[in-house]
Amino acid sequence: MIWLTWRQLRPMLIAAGTVLCAAAVYFIATGVHIRHTYSADLNNCHANCQQVLNDFAASYQNLRALIQLIVQATPALIGIFWGAPLIAVEFERGTHRMVWNQSVTPVRWLAVKLASGALASIVTVGLLSLLFTWWAGPQDKIDTDRFDWNVFGTRDITPIGYALFAFALGALLGLVIHRGVLPAMAATVVVFVGVQVLVATQVRPNLMPAHTATVSVDAQLLSHPVNTTITGSPSGPKVSFKVSPPAGSWKLSQTAVMDGSGAPLPAKAVQDCIEGPSIQSQTDLATCLAPYNPHVGVRYEPASDFWPLQWYETGIHVALAGVLAGLCFWRIRRHRD
C-alpha cells in the first residue's frame, strides 16, 4: 500500500522536490549576498545609518513582496492540487475498488494516503518557510511589521499549520463531493481563503490578552506631520492623531482623543485652537490643547507575544486538520460503492 501511494504521489513529490532544490539554491546564493551587503552597510555608515538601511531594504522590497506572495499561496496550492485530488481522483476513476479488493481495508487505504500527503506537505512548506524566513531576515529587521497579516503567515512555523489544514480540507472535500475533482478543488479554495481571513481578522487579535497604553497628544507627537490629519467638515475642522504602540508591537486599535476627565476632547476646543491667530505650527497647536490634557488610548500586542501567537495559530490549524482527517475516516467507514 505504501509503495502504491508513493507511485501515485511520485509526480507531485518530484515536482515539489525540484522546486525546493531550485528555491534553496536561489535563497542561499542571494541570501549570503544580502547578509554581506547588510553587514557592510551597517559597519560603514556613520552619519545617517537609518537612511542607508532603509535604502538597503527598499532595494529588495518588490522581490520580497513577490516571494512572500508565493509562500502565502503555497498552502492553498497544496490543498488544491494535493488534497482535493487525493481521493476524488480515485473515486472518479474507480481505482479504489482494486485496492479494496486486495485485502486492504478502506480505513488503512485512507490512513496511508493521508499520512503520506501530510508528511509531504509538512516537509515542503516547512523547508520553504525556513528558507524564506532566513533569506528575508536582514530586511525584516529594518522595515517589516512582523505582525502584519502577510508577514505573520509567511514566516517561521505558521505556514506548516496552514498547509496541513489545507491538505486535510482538500482531502475531505474530495471525499464528500462526488461531482468530480474540479468542484472539490474550487470548494477547497473558497473554504481555505474564508478560514484564513476569519483567523487573521477575528481569531488572532483575541488569542492573547491585549495590552493598553496611554499616549499624550503633545508637541513631540504633533512634530511628525504624518501623525496628524486636519480635515474640513460642515461643522468645522477636525483633527485626528495617529499614535504608535511600543516598538515591535502589534497595534490593534486606538480610542478617540480624550481630555483629562476621560471624556472625548470637545470639538469646539480643537476648532478654536486650529483657527486661532497664534497657531502657526504643530507645536503651537499642542500648546493650545495642553490645558485639556489630550491623550489617546491604544490597544496592542507586545513584541514578546509574536512566538506565542505563532504557536497558538499553528496549533489551531493542526487541530482543525486533525478534525478534518477524523471526518474523512468517519465518512470512509460509511462509504457505499
C-alpha atoms as a PDB file:
ATOM      1  CA  MET A   1       0.000   0.000   0.000  1.00  0.00           C
ATOM      2  CA  ILE A   2       2.835   2.394   0.841  1.00  0.00           C
ATOM      3  CA  TRP A   3       4.560   1.559  -2.447  1.00  0.00           C
ATOM      4  CA  LEU A   4       1.323   2.175  -4.384  1.00  0.00           C
ATOM      5  CA  THR A   5       0.785   5.511  -2.640  1.00  0.00           C
ATOM      6  CA  TRP A   6       4.357   6.509  -3.454  1.00  0.00           C
ATOM      7  CA  ARG A   7       3.735   5.684  -7.117  1.00  0.00           C
ATOM      8  CA  GLN A   8       0.609   7.835  -7.116  1.00  0.00           C
ATOM      9  CA  LEU A   9       2.253  10.786  -5.377  1.00  0.00           C
ATOM     10  CA  ARG A  10       5.585  10.495  -7.159  1.00  0.00           C
ATOM     11  CA  PRO A  11       4.954  13.112  -9.904  1.00  0.00           C
ATOM     12  CA  MET A  12       3.846  15.710  -7.344  1.00  0.00           C
ATOM     13  CA  LEU A  13       6.699  14.899  -4.972  1.00  0.00           C
ATOM     14  CA  ILE A  14       9.272  15.101  -7.746  1.00  0.00           C
ATOM     15  CA  ALA A  15       7.864  18.460  -8.835  1.00  0.00           C
ATOM     16  CA  ALA A  16       7.892  19.730  -5.249  1.00  0.00           C
ATOM     17  CA  GLY A  17      11.449  18.469  -4.718  1.00  0.00           C
ATOM     18  CA  THR A  18      12.627  20.169  -7.888  1.00  0.00           C
ATOM     19  CA  VAL A  19      11.051  23.467  -6.878  1.00  0.00           C
ATOM     20  CA  LEU A  20      12.519  23.215  -3.373  1.00  0.00           C
ATOM     21  CA  CYS A  21      16.003  22.492  -4.696  1.00  0.00           C
ATOM     22  CA  ALA A  22      15.815  25.461  -7.058  1.00  0.00           C
ATOM     23  CA  ALA A  23      14.451  27.657  -4.240  1.00  0.00           C
ATOM     24  CA  ALA A  24      17.223  26.527  -1.883  1.00  0.00           C
ATOM     25  CA  VAL A  25      19.924  27.354  -4.422  1.00  0.00           C
ATOM     26  CA  TYR A  26      18.404  30.778  -5.075  1.00  0.00           C
ATOM     27  CA  PHE A  27      17.757  31.657  -1.420  1.00  0.00           C
ATOM     28  CA  ILE A  28      21.199  30.560  -0.236  1.00  0.00           C
ATOM     29  CA  ALA A  29      23.094  32.224  -3.094  1.00  0.00           C
ATOM     30  CA  THR A  30      21.263  35.545  -2.849  1.00  0.00           C
ATOM     31  CA  GLY A  31      20.813  35.360   0.928  1.00  0.00           C
ATOM     32  CA  VAL A  32      24.559  35.234   1.541  1.00  0.00           C
ATOM     33  CA  HIS A  33      24.986  38.306  -0.671  1.00  0.00           C
ATOM     34  CA  ILE A  34      22.154  40.119   1.115  1.00  0.00           C
ATOM     35  CA  ARG A  35      23.673  39.407   4.512  1.00  0.00           C
ATOM     36  CA  HIS A  36      27.082  40.580   3.352  1.00  0.00           C
ATOM     37  CA  THR A  37      25.597  43.812   1.981  1.00  0.00           C
ATOM     38  CA  TYR A  38      23.612  44.379   5.176  1.00  0.00           C
ATOM     39  CA  SER A  39      26.692  43.933   7.368  1.00  0.00           C
ATOM     40  CA  ALA A  40      28.806  46.158   5.119  1.00  0.00           C
ATOM     41  CA  ASP A  41      26.193  48.939   5.106  1.00  0.00           C
ATOM     42  CA  LEU A  42      25.800  48.708   8.873  1.00  0.00           C
ATOM     43  CA  ASN A  43      29.553  48.825   9.502  1.00  0.00           C
ATOM     44  CA  ASN A  44      30.371  51.593   7.028  1.00  0.00           C
ATOM     45  CA  CYS A  45      27.594  54.070   7.731  1.00  0.00           C
ATOM     46  CA  HIS A  46      28.484  56.849  10.139  1.00  0.00           C
ATOM     47  CA  ALA A  47      26.175  59.851   9.970  1.00  0.00           C
ATOM     48  CA  ASN A  48      22.815  58.537   8.678  1.00  0.00           C
ATOM     49  CA  CYS A  49      22.699  54.786   9.241  1.00  0.00           C
ATOM     50  CA  GLN A  50      18.908  54.583   9.260  1.00  0.00           C
ATOM     51  CA  GLN A  51      18.658  56.080   5.772  1.00  0.00           C
ATOM     52  CA  VAL A  52      21.320  53.690   4.490  1.00  0.00           C
ATOM     53  CA  LEU A  53      19.458  50.717   5.927  1.00  0.00           C
ATOM     54  CA  ASN A  54      16.145  51.981   4.563  1.00  0.00           C
ATOM     55  CA  ASP A  55      17.674  52.224   1.099  1.00  0.00           C
ATOM     56  CA  PHE A  56      19.025  48.690   1.505  1.00  0.00           C
ATOM     57  CA  ALA A  57      15.594  47.318   2.419  1.00  0.00           C
ATOM     58  CA  ALA A  58      13.875  49.277  -0.363  1.00  0.00           C
ATOM     59  CA  SER A  59      16.156  47.715  -2.976  1.00  0.00           C
ATOM     60  CA  TYR A  60      14.691  44.272  -2.171  1.00  0.00           C
ATOM     61  CA  GLN A  61      11.158  45.358  -1.318  1.00  0.00           C
ATOM     62  CA  ASN A  62       9.436  44.303  -4.560  1.00  0.00           C
ATOM     63  CA  LEU A  63      11.271  40.982  -4.742  1.00  0.00           C
ATOM     64  CA  ARG A  64      10.443  40.209  -1.131  1.00  0.00           C
ATOM     65  CA  ALA A  65       6.769  41.023  -1.713  1.00  0.00           C
ATOM     66  CA  LEU A  66       6.667  38.679  -4.730  1.00  0.00           C
ATOM     67  CA  ILE A  67       8.280  35.770  -2.850  1.00  0.00           C
ATOM     68  CA  GLN A  68       6.043  36.481   0.113  1.00  0.00           C
ATOM     69  CA  LEU A  69       3.003  36.103  -2.138  1.00  0.00           C
ATOM     70  CA  ILE A  70       4.294  32.760  -3.429  1.00  0.00           C
ATOM     71  CA  VAL A  71       4.904  31.435   0.084  1.00  0.00           C
ATOM     72  CA  GLN A  72       1.484  32.654   1.133  1.00  0.00           C
ATOM     73  CA  ALA A  73      -0.177  30.821  -1.768  1.00  0.00           C
ATOM     74  CA  THR A  74       1.717  27.541  -1.302  1.00  0.00           C
ATOM     75  CA  PRO A  75      -0.566  26.036   1.410  1.00  0.00           C
ATOM     76  CA  ALA A  76      -3.607  26.797  -0.743  1.00  0.00           C
ATOM     77  CA  LEU A  77      -1.933  25.177  -3.746  1.00  0.00           C
ATOM     78  CA  ILE A  78      -1.223  22.077  -1.653  1.00  0.00           C
ATOM     79  CA  GLY A  79      -4.877  21.866  -0.695  1.00  0.00           C
ATOM     80  CA  ILE A  80      -5.957  22.324  -4.307  1.00  0.00           C
ATOM     81  CA  PHE A  81      -3.527  20.047  -6.139  1.00  0.00           C
ATOM     82  CA  TRP A  82      -2.577  17.526  -3.440  1.00  0.00           C
ATOM     83  CA  GLY A  83      -5.500  17.350  -1.048  1.00  0.00           C
ATOM     84  CA  ALA A  84      -8.565  17.661  -3.264  1.00  0.00           C
ATOM     85  CA  PRO A  85      -7.492  15.117  -5.949  1.00  0.00           C
ATOM     86  CA  LEU A  86      -6.100  12.656  -3.375  1.00  0.00           C
ATOM     87  CA  ILE A  87      -9.376  10.745  -3.006  1.00  0.00           C
ATOM     88  CA  ALA A  88     -11.599  12.441  -5.565  1.00  0.00           C
ATOM     89  CA  VAL A  89      -9.489  11.112  -8.461  1.00  0.00           C
ATOM     90  CA  GLU A  90      -9.658   7.574  -7.061  1.00  0.00           C
ATOM     91  CA  PHE A  91     -13.433   7.698  -6.818  1.00  0.00           C
ATOM     92  CA  GLU A  92     -13.792   9.375 -10.189  1.00  0.00           C
ATOM     93  CA  ARG A  93     -11.762   6.645 -11.908  1.00  0.00           C
ATOM     94  CA  GLY A  94     -12.914   3.790  -9.706  1.00  0.00           C
ATOM     95  CA  THR A  95      -9.342   2.700  -8.918  1.00  0.00           C
ATOM     96  CA  HIS A  96     -10.089   2.494  -5.195  1.00  0.00           C
ATOM     97  CA  ARG A  97     -12.042  -0.726  -5.824  1.00  0.00           C
ATOM     98  CA  MET A  98      -8.906  -2.511  -6.983  1.00  0.00           C
ATOM     99  CA  VAL A  99      -7.098  -1.675  -3.751  1.00  0.00           C
ATOM    100  CA  TRP A 100     -10.039  -2.508  -1.524  1.00  0.00           C
ATOM    101  CA  ASN A 101     -10.306  -5.934  -3.175  1.00  0.00           C
ATOM    102  CA  GLN A 102      -6.642  -6.707  -2.345  1.00  0.00           C
ATOM    103  CA  SER A 103      -7.187  -7.276   1.386  1.00  0.00           C
ATOM    104  CA  VAL A 104      -6.597  -3.562   2.071  1.00  0.00           C
ATOM    105  CA  THR A 105      -9.365  -2.036   4.157  1.00  0.00           C
ATOM    106  CA  PRO A 106     -10.746   1.416   3.263  1.00  0.00           C
ATOM    107  CA  VAL A 107      -9.522   2.765   6.626  1.00  0.00           C
ATOM    108  CA  ARG A 108      -5.958   1.561   6.065  1.00  0.00           C
ATOM    109  CA  TRP A 109      -6.060   2.830   2.486  1.00  0.00           C
ATOM    110  CA  LEU A 110      -7.146   6.265   3.682  1.00  0.00           C
ATOM    111  CA  ALA A 111      -4.675   6.346   6.571  1.00  0.00           C
ATOM    112  CA  VAL A 112      -1.680   5.700   4.320  1.00  0.00           C
ATOM    113  CA  LYS A 113      -2.768   8.299   1.786  1.00  0.00           C
ATOM    114  CA  LEU A 114      -3.445  10.975   4.403  1.00  0.00           C
ATOM    115  CA  ALA A 115      -0.233  10.297   6.320  1.00  0.00           C
ATOM    116  CA  SER A 116       1.892  10.380   3.152  1.00  0.00           C
ATOM    117  CA  GLY A 117       0.311  13.592   1.894  1.00  0.00           C
ATOM    118  CA  ALA A 118       0.505  15.264   5.308  1.00  0.00           C
ATOM    119  CA  LEU A 119       4.195  14.406   5.671  1.00  0.00           C
ATOM    120  CA  ALA A 120       4.934  15.731   2.178  1.00  0.00           C
ATOM    121  CA  SER A 121       3.037  18.940   2.989  1.00  0.00           C
ATOM    122  CA  ILE A 122       4.955  19.491   6.250  1.00  0.00           C
ATOM    123  CA  VAL A 123       8.348  18.952   4.632  1.00  0.00           C
ATOM    124  CA  THR A 124       7.602  21.069   1.562  1.00  0.00           C
ATOM    125  CA  VAL A 125       6.115  24.101   3.302  1.00  0.00           C
ATOM    126  CA  GLY A 126       8.406  23.810   6.323  1.00  0.00           C
ATOM    127  CA  LEU A 127      11.547  23.972   4.204  1.00  0.00           C
ATOM    128  CA  LEU A 128      10.158  26.763   2.034  1.00  0.00           C
ATOM    129  CA  SER A 129       9.178  28.835   5.074  1.00  0.00           C
ATOM    130  CA  LEU A 130      12.546  28.194   6.736  1.00  0.00           C
ATOM    131  CA  LEU A 131      14.447  29.304   3.647  1.00  0.00           C
ATOM    132  CA  PHE A 132      12.356  32.418   3.145  1.00  0.00           C
ATOM    133  CA  THR A 133      12.498  33.404   6.824  1.00  0.00           C
ATOM    134  CA  TRP A 134      16.292  33.167   6.749  1.00  0.00           C
ATOM    135  CA  TRP A 135      16.538  34.991   3.402  1.00  0.00           C
ATOM    136  CA  ALA A 136      14.308  37.887   4.484  1.00  0.00           C
ATOM    137  CA  GLY A 137      15.875  38.177   7.948  1.00  0.00           C
ATOM    138  CA  PRO A 138      18.080  41.249   7.341  1.00  0.00           C
ATOM    139  CA  GLN A 139      15.251  43.089   5.606  1.00  0.00           C
ATOM    140  CA  ASP A 140      12.728  42.175   8.299  1.00  0.00           C
ATOM    141  CA  LYS A 141      14.965  43.769  10.935  1.00  0.00           C
ATOM    142  CA  ILE A 142      14.650  47.148   9.222  1.00  0.00           C
ATOM    143  CA  ASP A 143      11.171  47.870   7.953  1.00  0.00           C
ATOM    144  CA  THR A 144       8.872  44.887   8.494  1.00  0.00           C
ATOM    145  CA  ASP A 145       5.982  44.690  10.938  1.00  0.00           C
ATOM    146  CA  ARG A 146       6.192  41.038  11.994  1.00  0.00           C
ATOM    147  CA  PHE A 147       2.505  41.061  12.959  1.00  0.00           C
ATOM    148  CA  ASP A 148       1.369  42.259   9.539  1.00  0.00           C
ATOM    149  CA  TRP A 149      -1.051  39.696   8.097  1.00  0.00           C
ATOM    150  CA  ASN A 150       1.024  38.895   5.004  1.00  0.00           C
ATOM    151  CA  VAL A 151       4.238  38.658   7.047  1.00  0.00           C
ATOM    152  CA  PHE A 152       2.986  36.694  10.047  1.00  0.00           C
ATOM    153  CA  GLY A 153       1.611  33.939   7.828  1.00  0.00           C
ATOM    154  CA  THR A 154       4.703  33.541   5.654  1.00  0.00           C
ATOM    155  CA  ARG A 155       7.439  33.275   8.286  1.00  0.00           C
ATOM    156  CA  ASP A 156       8.543  30.651  10.796  1.00  0.00           C
ATOM    157  CA  ILE A 157       6.033  27.875  11.635  1.00  0.00           C
ATOM    158  CA  THR A 158       2.552  29.133  10.773  1.00  0.00           C
ATOM    159  CA  PRO A 159       2.758  28.092   7.083  1.00  0.00           C
ATOM    160  CA  ILE A 160       3.147  24.469   8.265  1.00  0.00           C
ATOM    161  CA  GLY A 161      -0.180  24.642  10.100  1.00  0.00           C
ATOM    162  CA  TYR A 162      -1.835  26.275   7.099  1.00  0.00           C
ATOM    163  CA  ALA A 163      -0.514  23.551   4.775  1.00  0.00           C
ATOM    164  CA  LEU A 164      -1.762  20.706   6.983  1.00  0.00           C
ATOM    165  CA  PHE A 165      -5.168  22.328   7.266  1.00  0.00           C
ATOM    166  CA  ALA A 166      -5.394  22.959   3.510  1.00  0.00           C
ATOM    167  CA  PHE A 167      -4.364  19.391   2.685  1.00  0.00           C
ATOM    168  CA  ALA A 168      -6.877  17.836   5.099  1.00  0.00           C
ATOM    169  CA  LEU A 169      -9.586  20.209   3.897  1.00  0.00           C
ATOM    170  CA  GLY A 170      -8.998  19.274   0.267  1.00  0.00           C
ATOM    171  CA  ALA A 171      -8.989  15.558   1.109  1.00  0.00           C
ATOM    172  CA  LEU A 172     -12.298  15.806   2.963  1.00  0.00           C
ATOM    173  CA  LEU A 173     -13.992  17.835   0.248  1.00  0.00           C
ATOM    174  CA  GLY A 174     -12.686  15.400  -2.382  1.00  0.00           C
ATOM    175  CA  LEU A 175     -14.212  12.555  -0.370  1.00  0.00           C
ATOM    176  CA  VAL A 176     -17.548  14.274   0.198  1.00  0.00           C
ATOM    177  CA  ILE A 177     -18.116  15.930  -3.188  1.00  0.00           C
ATOM    178  CA  HIS A 178     -18.949  13.265  -5.744  1.00  0.00           C
ATOM    179  CA  ARG A 179     -19.220  15.516  -8.780  1.00  0.00           C
ATOM    180  CA  GLY A 180     -15.571  15.281  -9.754  1.00  0.00           C
ATOM    181  CA  VAL A 181     -12.201  16.736  -8.909  1.00  0.00           C
ATOM    182  CA  LEU A 182     -12.734  20.301 -10.122  1.00  0.00           C
ATOM    183  CA  PRO A 183     -15.654  21.090  -7.772  1.00  0.00           C
ATOM    184  CA  ALA A 184     -13.605  19.771  -4.854  1.00  0.00           C
ATOM    185  CA  MET A 185     -10.658  21.958  -5.867  1.00  0.00           C
ATOM    186  CA  ALA A 186     -12.869  25.040  -6.192  1.00  0.00           C
ATOM    187  CA  ALA A 187     -14.521  24.391  -2.834  1.00  0.00           C
ATOM    188  CA  THR A 188     -11.098  23.986  -1.211  1.00  0.00           C
ATOM    189  CA  VAL A 189     -10.046  27.449  -2.394  1.00  0.00           C
ATOM    190  CA  VAL A 190     -13.217  29.120  -1.137  1.00  0.00           C
ATOM    191  CA  VAL A 191     -13.225  27.490   2.295  1.00  0.00           C
ATOM    192  CA  PHE A 192      -9.473  27.854   2.854  1.00  0.00           C
ATOM    193  CA  VAL A 193      -9.430  31.558   1.994  1.00  0.00           C
ATOM    194  CA  GLY A 194     -12.507  32.150   4.146  1.00  0.00           C
ATOM    195  CA  VAL A 195     -10.907  30.471   7.153  1.00  0.00           C
ATOM    196  CA  GLN A 196      -7.650  32.395   6.641  1.00  0.00           C
ATOM    197  CA  VAL A 197      -9.484  35.721   6.618  1.00  0.00           C
ATOM    198  CA  LEU A 198     -11.542  34.748   9.672  1.00  0.00           C
ATOM    199  CA  VAL A 199      -8.466  33.694  11.657  1.00  0.00           C
ATOM    200  CA  ALA A 200      -6.452  36.794  10.714  1.00  0.00           C
ATOM    201  CA  THR A 201      -9.210  39.292  11.495  1.00  0.00           C
ATOM    202  CA  GLN A 202     -11.191  37.701  14.327  1.00  0.00           C
ATOM    203  CA  VAL A 203      -9.198  34.916  15.993  1.00  0.00           C
ATOM    204  CA  ARG A 204      -5.587  36.120  16.062  1.00  0.00           C
ATOM    205  CA  PRO A 205      -6.314  39.522  17.699  1.00  0.00           C
ATOM    206  CA  ASN A 206      -8.130  37.715  20.529  1.00  0.00           C
ATOM    207  CA  LEU A 207      -5.820  34.772  21.190  1.00  0.00           C
ATOM    208  CA  MET A 208      -3.897  36.606  23.921  1.00  0.00           C
ATOM    209  CA  PRO A 209      -4.872  39.430  26.286  1.00  0.00           C
ATOM    210  CA  ALA A 210      -4.117  42.799  24.759  1.00  0.00           C
ATOM    211  CA  HIS A 211      -2.038  45.447  26.500  1.00  0.00           C
ATOM    212  CA  THR A 212      -3.138  49.062  26.761  1.00  0.00           C
ATOM    213  CA  ALA A 213      -1.162  52.287  26.854  1.00  0.00           C
ATOM    214  CA  THR A 214      -1.957  55.982  27.048  1.00  0.00           C
ATOM    215  CA  VAL A 215      -0.188  58.290  24.627  1.00  0.00           C
ATOM    216  CA  SER A 216      -0.235  62.043  25.233  1.00  0.00           C
ATOM    217  CA  VAL A 217      -1.053  64.295  22.308  1.00  0.00           C
ATOM    218  CA  ASP A 218       1.863  66.625  22.862  1.00  0.00           C
ATOM    219  CA  ALA A 219       4.379  68.584  20.817  1.00  0.00           C
ATOM    220  CA  GLN A 220       6.521  65.502  20.260  1.00  0.00           C
ATOM    221  CA  LEU A 221       3.623  63.609  18.674  1.00  0.00           C
ATOM    222  CA  LEU A 222       2.489  66.593  16.637  1.00  0.00           C
ATOM    223  CA  SER A 223       6.009  67.298  15.414  1.00  0.00           C
ATOM    224  CA  HIS A 224       5.584  64.450  12.938  1.00  0.00           C
ATOM    225  CA  PRO A 225       3.144  65.609  10.225  1.00  0.00           C
ATOM    226  CA  VAL A 226       2.293  62.008   9.292  1.00  0.00           C
ATOM    227  CA  ASN A 227       0.734  61.548  12.752  1.00  0.00           C
ATOM    228  CA  THR A 228      -1.679  64.439  12.430  1.00  0.00           C
ATOM    229  CA  THR A 229      -4.550  64.873   9.994  1.00  0.00           C
ATOM    230  CA  ILE A 230      -6.668  68.026   9.824  1.00  0.00           C
ATOM    231  CA  THR A 231      -9.755  67.845   7.621  1.00  0.00           C
ATOM    232  CA  GLY A 232     -12.582  70.211   6.916  1.00  0.00           C
ATOM    233  CA  SER A 233     -16.231  69.384   7.549  1.00  0.00           C
ATOM    234  CA  PRO A 234     -19.586  71.215   7.605  1.00  0.00           C
ATOM    235  CA  SER A 235     -19.279  71.559  11.388  1.00  0.00           C
ATOM    236  CA  GLY A 236     -15.732  72.884  11.239  1.00  0.00           C
ATOM    237  CA  PRO A 237     -12.214  71.488  11.047  1.00  0.00           C
ATOM    238  CA  LYS A 238     -11.474  68.123  12.650  1.00  0.00           C
ATOM    239  CA  VAL A 239      -8.143  66.808  13.776  1.00  0.00           C
ATOM    240  CA  SER A 240      -7.129  63.171  14.251  1.00  0.00           C
ATOM    241  CA  PHE A 241      -3.906  61.787  15.631  1.00  0.00           C
ATOM    242  CA  LYS A 242      -2.154  58.564  14.704  1.00  0.00           C
ATOM    243  CA  VAL A 243      -0.329  57.104  17.674  1.00  0.00           C
ATOM    244  CA  SER A 244       2.092  54.204  17.757  1.00  0.00           C
ATOM    245  CA  PRO A 245       2.465  51.482  20.403  1.00  0.00           C
ATOM    246  CA  PRO A 246       5.877  50.382  21.728  1.00  0.00           C
ATOM    247  CA  ALA A 247       8.403  49.399  19.054  1.00  0.00           C
ATOM    248  CA  GLY A 248       7.887  45.983  17.505  1.00  0.00           C
ATOM    249  CA  SER A 249       4.374  45.539  18.878  1.00  0.00           C
ATOM    250  CA  TRP A 250       1.093  44.998  17.029  1.00  0.00           C
ATOM    251  CA  LYS A 251      -1.393  47.848  17.212  1.00  0.00           C
ATOM    252  CA  LEU A 252      -4.960  46.569  17.490  1.00  0.00           C
ATOM    253  CA  SER A 253      -6.965  49.759  17.958  1.00  0.00           C
ATOM    254  CA  GLN A 254      -6.948  53.246  19.403  1.00  0.00           C
ATOM    255  CA  THR A 255      -9.543  55.392  21.100  1.00  0.00           C
ATOM    256  CA  ALA A 256     -10.709  58.840  20.150  1.00  0.00           C
ATOM    257  CA  VAL A 257      -8.795  61.796  21.597  1.00  0.00           C
ATOM    258  CA  MET A 258      -9.824  62.154  25.241  1.00  0.00           C
ATOM    259  CA  ASP A 259      -9.398  65.025  27.689  1.00  0.00           C
ATOM    260  CA  GLY A 260      -8.113  64.857  31.250  1.00  0.00           C
ATOM    261  CA  SER A 261     -11.507  63.725  32.609  1.00  0.00           C
ATOM    262  CA  GLY A 262     -11.722  60.803  30.233  1.00  0.00           C
ATOM    263  CA  ALA A 263     -14.380  62.409  28.014  1.00  0.00           C
ATOM    264  CA  PRO A 264     -13.919  62.965  24.265  1.00  0.00           C
ATOM    265  CA  LEU A 265     -11.963  66.130  23.540  1.00  0.00           C
ATOM    266  CA  PRO A 266     -14.534  68.853  22.708  1.00  0.00           C
ATOM    267  CA  ALA A 267     -14.674  69.609  19.004  1.00  0.00           C
ATOM    268  CA  LYS A 268     -15.014  73.314  19.769  1.00  0.00           C
ATOM    269  CA  ALA A 269     -11.691  73.289  21.639  1.00  0.00           C
ATOM    270  CA  VAL A 270      -9.949  71.800  18.645  1.00  0.00           C
ATOM    271  CA  GLN A 271     -11.654  74.221  16.276  1.00  0.00           C
ATOM    272  CA  ASP A 272     -10.758  77.245  18.376  1.00  0.00           C
ATOM    273  CA  CYS A 273      -7.113  76.148  18.544  1.00  0.00           C
ATOM    274  CA  ILE A 274      -6.849  75.451  14.830  1.00  0.00           C
ATOM    275  CA  GLU A 275      -8.472  78.734  13.858  1.00  0.00           C
ATOM    276  CA  GLY A 276      -6.608  80.794  16.485  1.00  0.00           C
ATOM    277  CA  PRO A 277      -4.346  83.543  15.105  1.00  0.00           C
ATOM    278  CA  SER A 278      -1.411  82.394  17.243  1.00  0.00           C
ATOM    279  CA  ILE A 279      -1.366  78.874  15.772  1.00  0.00           C
ATOM    280  CA  GLN A 280       1.490  78.852  13.312  1.00  0.00           C
ATOM    281  CA  SER A 281       2.808  75.319  13.764  1.00  0.00           C
ATOM    282  CA  GLN A 282       2.016  71.898  15.184  1.00  0.00           C
ATOM    283  CA  THR A 283       3.868  72.885  18.355  1.00  0.00           C
ATOM    284  CA  ASP A 284       1.559  75.865  18.785  1.00  0.00           C
ATOM    285  CA  LEU A 285      -1.411  73.522  18.374  1.00  0.00           C
ATOM    286  CA  ALA A 286      -0.043  71.232  21.096  1.00  0.00           C
ATOM    287  CA  THR A 287       0.481  74.218  23.419  1.00  0.00           C
ATOM    288  CA  CYS A 288      -3.078  75.387  22.807  1.00  0.00           C
ATOM    289  CA  LEU A 289      -4.536  71.932  23.556  1.00  0.00           C
ATOM    290  CA  ALA A 290      -2.277  71.249  26.557  1.00  0.00           C
ATOM    291  CA  PRO A 291      -4.763  72.546  29.211  1.00  0.00           C
ATOM    292  CA  TYR A 292      -7.179  69.803  28.184  1.00  0.00           C
ATOM    293  CA  ASN A 293      -4.518  67.090  28.766  1.00  0.00           C
ATOM    294  CA  PRO A 294      -5.385  65.369  25.463  1.00  0.00           C
ATOM    295  CA  HIS A 295      -4.435  61.722  25.183  1.00  0.00           C
ATOM    296  CA  VAL A 296      -5.229  58.615  23.158  1.00  0.00           C
ATOM    297  CA  GLY A 297      -5.607  55.056  24.424  1.00  0.00           C
ATOM    298  CA  VAL A 298      -4.050  52.322  22.281  1.00  0.00           C
ATOM    299  CA  ARG A 299      -4.516  48.533  22.495  1.00  0.00           C
ATOM    300  CA  TYR A 300      -1.635  46.383  21.295  1.00  0.00           C
ATOM    301  CA  GLU A 301       0.084  43.018  21.460  1.00  0.00           C
ATOM    302  CA  PRO A 302       3.699  43.400  22.617  1.00  0.00           C
ATOM    303  CA  ALA A 303       6.588  42.085  20.552  1.00  0.00           C
ATOM    304  CA  SER A 304       7.057  39.273  23.078  1.00  0.00           C
ATOM    305  CA  ASP A 305       3.690  37.802  22.005  1.00  0.00           C
ATOM    306  CA  PHE A 306       4.918  37.022  18.488  1.00  0.00           C
ATOM    307  CA  TRP A 307       6.087  33.456  19.156  1.00  0.00           C
ATOM    308  CA  PRO A 308       3.171  32.508  21.443  1.00  0.00           C
ATOM    309  CA  LEU A 309       0.801  33.676  18.696  1.00  0.00           C
ATOM    310  CA  GLN A 310       2.777  31.667  16.137  1.00  0.00           C
ATOM    311  CA  TRP A 311       2.411  28.523  18.236  1.00  0.00           C
ATOM    312  CA  TYR A 312      -1.242  29.119  19.054  1.00  0.00           C
ATOM    313  CA  GLU A 313      -2.247  29.758  15.466  1.00  0.00           C
ATOM    314  CA  THR A 314      -0.236  26.815  14.178  1.00  0.00           C
ATOM    315  CA  GLY A 315      -1.799  24.619  16.849  1.00  0.00           C
ATOM    316  CA  ILE A 316      -5.291  25.749  15.863  1.00  0.00           C
ATOM    317  CA  HIS A 317      -4.720  24.809  12.229  1.00  0.00           C
ATOM    318  CA  VAL A 318      -3.137  21.471  13.158  1.00  0.00           C
ATOM    319  CA  ALA A 319      -6.132  20.733  15.393  1.00  0.00           C
ATOM    320  CA  LEU A 320      -8.514  21.668  12.585  1.00  0.00           C
ATOM    321  CA  ALA A 321      -6.562  19.377  10.255  1.00  0.00           C
ATOM    322  CA  GLY A 322      -6.949  16.576  12.797  1.00  0.00           C
ATOM    323  CA  VAL A 323     -10.708  17.151  12.964  1.00  0.00           C
ATOM    324  CA  LEU A 324     -10.968  17.113   9.171  1.00  0.00           C
ATOM    325  CA  ALA A 325      -8.921  13.919   8.995  1.00  0.00           C
ATOM    326  CA  GLY A 326     -11.232  12.369  11.585  1.00  0.00           C
ATOM    327  CA  LEU A 327     -14.214  13.320   9.445  1.00  0.00           C
ATOM    328  CA  CYS A 328     -12.510  11.635   6.496  1.00  0.00           C
ATOM    329  CA  PHE A 329     -12.279   8.373   8.457  1.00  0.00           C
ATOM    330  CA  TRP A 330     -15.862   8.739   9.648  1.00  0.00           C
ATOM    331  CA  ARG A 331     -17.011   9.261   6.079  1.00  0.00           C
ATOM    332  CA  ILE A 332     -14.966   6.405   4.590  1.00  0.00           C
ATOM    333  CA  ARG A 333     -16.434   3.929   7.111  1.00  0.00           C
ATOM    334  CA  ARG A 334     -19.898   4.794   5.837  1.00  0.00           C
ATOM    335  CA  HIS A 335     -18.976   4.874   2.187  1.00  0.00           C
ATOM    336  CA  ARG A 336     -21.094   2.681  -0.005  1.00  0.00           C
ATOM    337  CA  ASP A 337     -19.861   1.935  -3.506  1.00  0.00           C
END
